[in-house]
């Protein structure tokens, strides 16, 4: 199955209620265009902005232009042979007949339809699992028997007798470094 490619055209259309100067500034900022390039875009004739892109890229361009306040026409690559001579189809019936993508009228719908369709992960088979009641012992194996520990050789000292200091390991203090070559100078010198 061949991947379908799309061409993106802009003919100077902007969203209702948006200042044309603001749209020009937004497009210049987003796409890094000079004023001469912007004037060509807003001349009224359809200008191919990008050609031969996949659907995801076409949707990204549509969203970028819409965020800037402008409307683009997206058509399949094969259906744009006469696009520069005549205005591209903008009604949904003409776009559907030619196989191209169309835009909704301004301020209608949402961009949810532009999001790629993601199939949810299949639900795993849990029919063999069961849920036990609260308090049920999960592991029913008996605990291991305790090994007898021989403590017959141990003795208990009487209270307040002896201390643990005799068992403390004495460490020799580290020798002090030789600092005889150091001297203190007065600030008066």
Protein backbone atom coordinates (compact mmCIF):
# COMPACT_ATOMS: atom_id res chain seq x y z
CA UNK A 1 0.00 0.00 0.00
CA UNK A 2 1.50 3.31 -1.11
CA UNK A 3 1.69 6.15 1.37
CA UNK A 4 -0.35 9.10 0.16
CA UNK A 5 1.41 12.46 -0.04
CA UNK A 6 -0.10 15.92 0.22
CA UNK A 7 0.59 19.43 -1.04
CA UNK A 8 -0.10 22.46 1.16
CA UNK A 9 -1.38 25.67 -0.46
CA UNK A 10 -1.93 29.11 1.07
CA UNK A 11 -3.95 31.76 -0.72
CA UNK A 12 -4.06 34.54 1.88
CA UNK A 13 -7.16 33.37 3.76
CA UNK A 14 -7.27 34.24 7.45
CA UNK A 15 -9.61 33.33 10.29
CA UNK A 16 -12.56 35.65 10.94
CA UNK A 17 -11.85 38.32 13.53
CA UNK A 18 -8.06 38.09 13.25
CA UNK A 19 -6.03 41.15 12.27
CA UNK A 20 -4.18 40.52 8.95
CA UNK A 21 -1.09 42.34 10.26
CA UNK A 22 -1.02 40.04 13.28
CA UNK A 23 -1.29 36.98 11.01
CA UNK A 24 1.65 38.26 8.93
CA UNK A 25 3.72 38.81 12.08
CA UNK A 26 2.87 35.33 13.36
CA UNK A 27 3.75 33.65 10.06
CA UNK A 28 6.99 35.63 9.83
CA UNK A 29 7.92 34.54 13.35
CA UNK A 30 6.97 30.87 12.88
CA UNK A 31 8.53 30.34 9.45
CA UNK A 32 11.28 33.01 9.50
CA UNK A 33 9.95 34.85 6.42
CA UNK A 34 10.93 38.26 5.11
CA UNK A 35 8.33 40.89 4.17
CA UNK A 36 8.72 40.15 0.42
CA UNK A 37 7.90 36.49 0.97
CA UNK A 38 4.89 37.43 3.11
CA UNK A 39 3.55 39.74 0.39
CA UNK A 40 3.74 36.86 -2.12
CA UNK A 41 1.81 34.64 0.27
CA UNK A 42 -0.93 37.24 0.78
CA UNK A 43 -1.24 38.18 -2.93
CA UNK A 44 -4.47 36.16 -3.22
CA UNK A 45 -3.16 33.47 -5.56
CA UNK A 46 -2.66 29.95 -4.20
CA UNK A 47 1.01 29.44 -3.32
CA UNK A 48 2.42 25.98 -2.68
CA UNK A 49 3.91 26.16 0.81
CA UNK A 50 5.09 22.56 1.00
CA UNK A 51 4.69 19.63 -1.34
CA UNK A 52 4.84 15.87 -1.13
CA UNK A 53 4.48 15.57 2.64
CA UNK A 54 2.86 12.77 4.61
CA UNK A 55 -0.45 13.21 6.43
CA UNK A 56 1.14 13.86 9.83
CA UNK A 57 3.32 16.66 8.45
CA UNK A 58 0.35 18.15 6.59
CA UNK A 59 -1.61 18.21 9.84
CA UNK A 60 1.30 19.92 11.61
CA UNK A 61 1.35 22.63 8.93
CA UNK A 62 -2.43 23.05 9.18
CA UNK A 63 -2.18 23.48 12.96
CA UNK A 64 0.77 25.90 12.69
CA UNK A 65 -1.06 28.09 10.15
CA UNK A 66 -4.27 27.93 12.19
CA UNK A 67 -2.39 28.99 15.35
CA UNK A 68 -1.01 31.92 13.37
CA UNK A 69 -4.56 32.85 12.29
CA UNK A 70 -4.38 31.63 8.69
CA UNK A 71 -6.13 28.89 6.71
CA UNK A 72 -4.40 26.50 4.33
CA UNK A 73 -5.72 24.12 1.67
CA UNK A 74 -4.34 20.59 1.78
CA UNK A 75 -4.75 18.37 -1.26
CA UNK A 76 -3.39 15.04 -2.34
CA UNK A 77 -0.29 15.40 -4.50
CA UNK A 78 -1.95 13.95 -7.62
CA UNK A 79 -4.92 16.34 -7.50
CA UNK A 80 -2.93 19.59 -7.52
CA UNK A 81 -1.93 19.76 -11.21
CA UNK A 82 -4.04 22.85 -11.91
CA UNK A 83 -3.85 24.38 -8.48
CA UNK A 84 -1.80 27.40 -9.55
CA UNK A 85 -4.22 28.27 -12.38
CA UNK A 86 -7.43 27.99 -10.38
CA UNK A 87 -8.21 28.38 -6.72
CA UNK A 88 -8.16 25.09 -4.83
CA UNK A 89 -11.45 23.57 -3.77
CA UNK A 90 -12.47 24.76 -0.33
CA UNK A 91 -15.94 23.33 0.21
CA UNK A 92 -16.14 19.98 1.91
CA UNK A 93 -18.05 18.40 -1.01
CA UNK A 94 -15.48 19.45 -3.60
CA UNK A 95 -12.59 18.36 -1.33
CA UNK A 96 -14.21 14.99 -0.69
CA UNK A 97 -14.83 14.45 -4.42
CA UNK A 98 -11.20 15.18 -5.31
CA UNK A 99 -9.85 13.05 -2.45
CA UNK A 100 -8.16 16.06 -0.80
CA UNK A 101 -8.28 17.23 2.76
CA UNK A 102 -10.45 20.22 3.61
CA UNK A 103 -10.72 22.66 6.47
CA UNK A 104 -13.80 23.29 8.52
CA UNK A 105 -15.14 26.82 8.53
CA UNK A 106 -13.43 29.03 11.13
CA UNK A 107 -14.37 28.57 14.79
CA UNK A 108 -16.12 25.24 14.20
CA UNK A 109 -15.11 21.80 15.30
CA UNK A 110 -11.90 21.11 17.13
CA UNK A 111 -8.43 19.85 16.42
CA UNK A 112 -9.29 16.46 17.89
CA UNK A 113 -9.90 15.20 14.34
CA UNK A 114 -6.31 16.19 13.50
CA UNK A 115 -4.84 13.93 16.17
CA UNK A 116 -3.44 10.64 14.91
CA UNK A 117 -5.59 7.63 15.69
CA UNK A 118 -3.95 5.45 18.33
CA UNK A 119 -5.32 1.97 18.83
CA UNK A 120 -5.71 1.07 22.50
CA UNK A 121 -3.69 -1.85 23.79
CA UNK A 122 -5.63 -5.12 23.81
CA UNK A 123 -7.13 -6.09 27.14
CA UNK A 124 -5.32 -9.14 28.52
CA UNK A 125 -7.25 -12.32 29.31
CA UNK A 126 -7.93 -12.31 33.06
CA UNK A 127 -10.52 -15.09 33.12
CA UNK A 128 -8.20 -17.46 34.97
CA UNK A 129 -7.59 -14.95 37.79
CA UNK A 130 -9.74 -14.72 40.91
CA UNK A 131 -9.92 -12.25 43.76
CA UNK A 132 -9.72 -13.63 47.29
CA UNK A 133 -11.68 -12.16 50.18
CA UNK A 134 -9.86 -9.78 52.54
CA UNK A 135 -7.83 -11.59 55.19
CA UNK A 136 -7.23 -14.68 53.09
CA UNK A 137 -3.77 -16.17 53.48
CA UNK A 138 -2.06 -15.90 50.11
CA UNK A 139 0.75 -18.35 50.78
CA UNK A 140 -0.62 -21.51 52.37
CA UNK A 141 2.70 -23.32 52.74
CA UNK A 142 3.56 -23.94 56.40
CA UNK A 143 6.42 -21.86 57.79
CA UNK A 144 9.69 -23.75 58.27
CA UNK A 145 10.39 -25.20 61.71
CA UNK A 146 12.84 -23.26 63.84
CA UNK A 147 16.23 -24.92 64.31
CA UNK A 148 17.16 -25.42 67.97
CA UNK A 149 20.05 -23.17 68.98
CA UNK A 150 22.46 -24.44 71.66
CA UNK A 151 23.04 -21.67 74.23
CA UNK A 152 24.31 -23.89 77.06
CA UNK A 153 27.83 -22.44 76.87
CA UNK A 154 26.70 -18.84 77.42
CA UNK A 155 26.79 -17.22 80.90
CA UNK A 156 25.04 -14.16 82.21
CA UNK A 157 27.09 -11.74 84.33
CA UNK A 158 25.53 -10.33 87.51
CA UNK A 159 24.04 -6.83 87.27
CA UNK A 160 26.41 -3.84 87.63
CA UNK A 161 29.51 -5.95 87.27
CA UNK A 162 32.17 -5.41 84.67
CA UNK A 163 32.13 -3.07 81.72
CA UNK A 164 32.68 -3.27 78.03
CA UNK A 165 35.71 -0.96 78.13
CA UNK A 166 38.02 -3.93 78.52
CA UNK A 167 36.84 -5.18 75.14
CA UNK A 168 37.26 -1.84 73.40
CA UNK A 169 40.12 -1.77 70.90
CA UNK A 170 42.53 1.02 71.72
CA UNK A 171 43.81 2.99 68.78
CA UNK A 172 47.03 4.92 68.95
CA UNK A 173 46.45 8.61 68.28
CA UNK A 174 47.87 9.84 65.02
CA UNK A 175 51.17 11.71 65.46
CA UNK A 176 50.95 15.48 65.20
CA UNK A 177 52.56 16.93 62.10
CA UNK A 178 55.83 18.86 62.45
CA UNK A 179 54.99 22.56 62.12
CA UNK A 180 58.28 23.96 63.46
CA UNK A 181 59.11 25.59 60.11
CA UNK A 182 55.91 27.71 60.22
CA UNK A 183 55.84 31.17 61.80
CA UNK A 184 53.21 33.82 62.47
CA UNK A 185 53.79 37.27 60.99
CA UNK A 186 52.50 40.48 62.48
CA UNK A 187 50.37 42.86 60.44
CA UNK A 188 52.64 45.72 61.52
CA UNK A 189 55.52 44.67 59.23
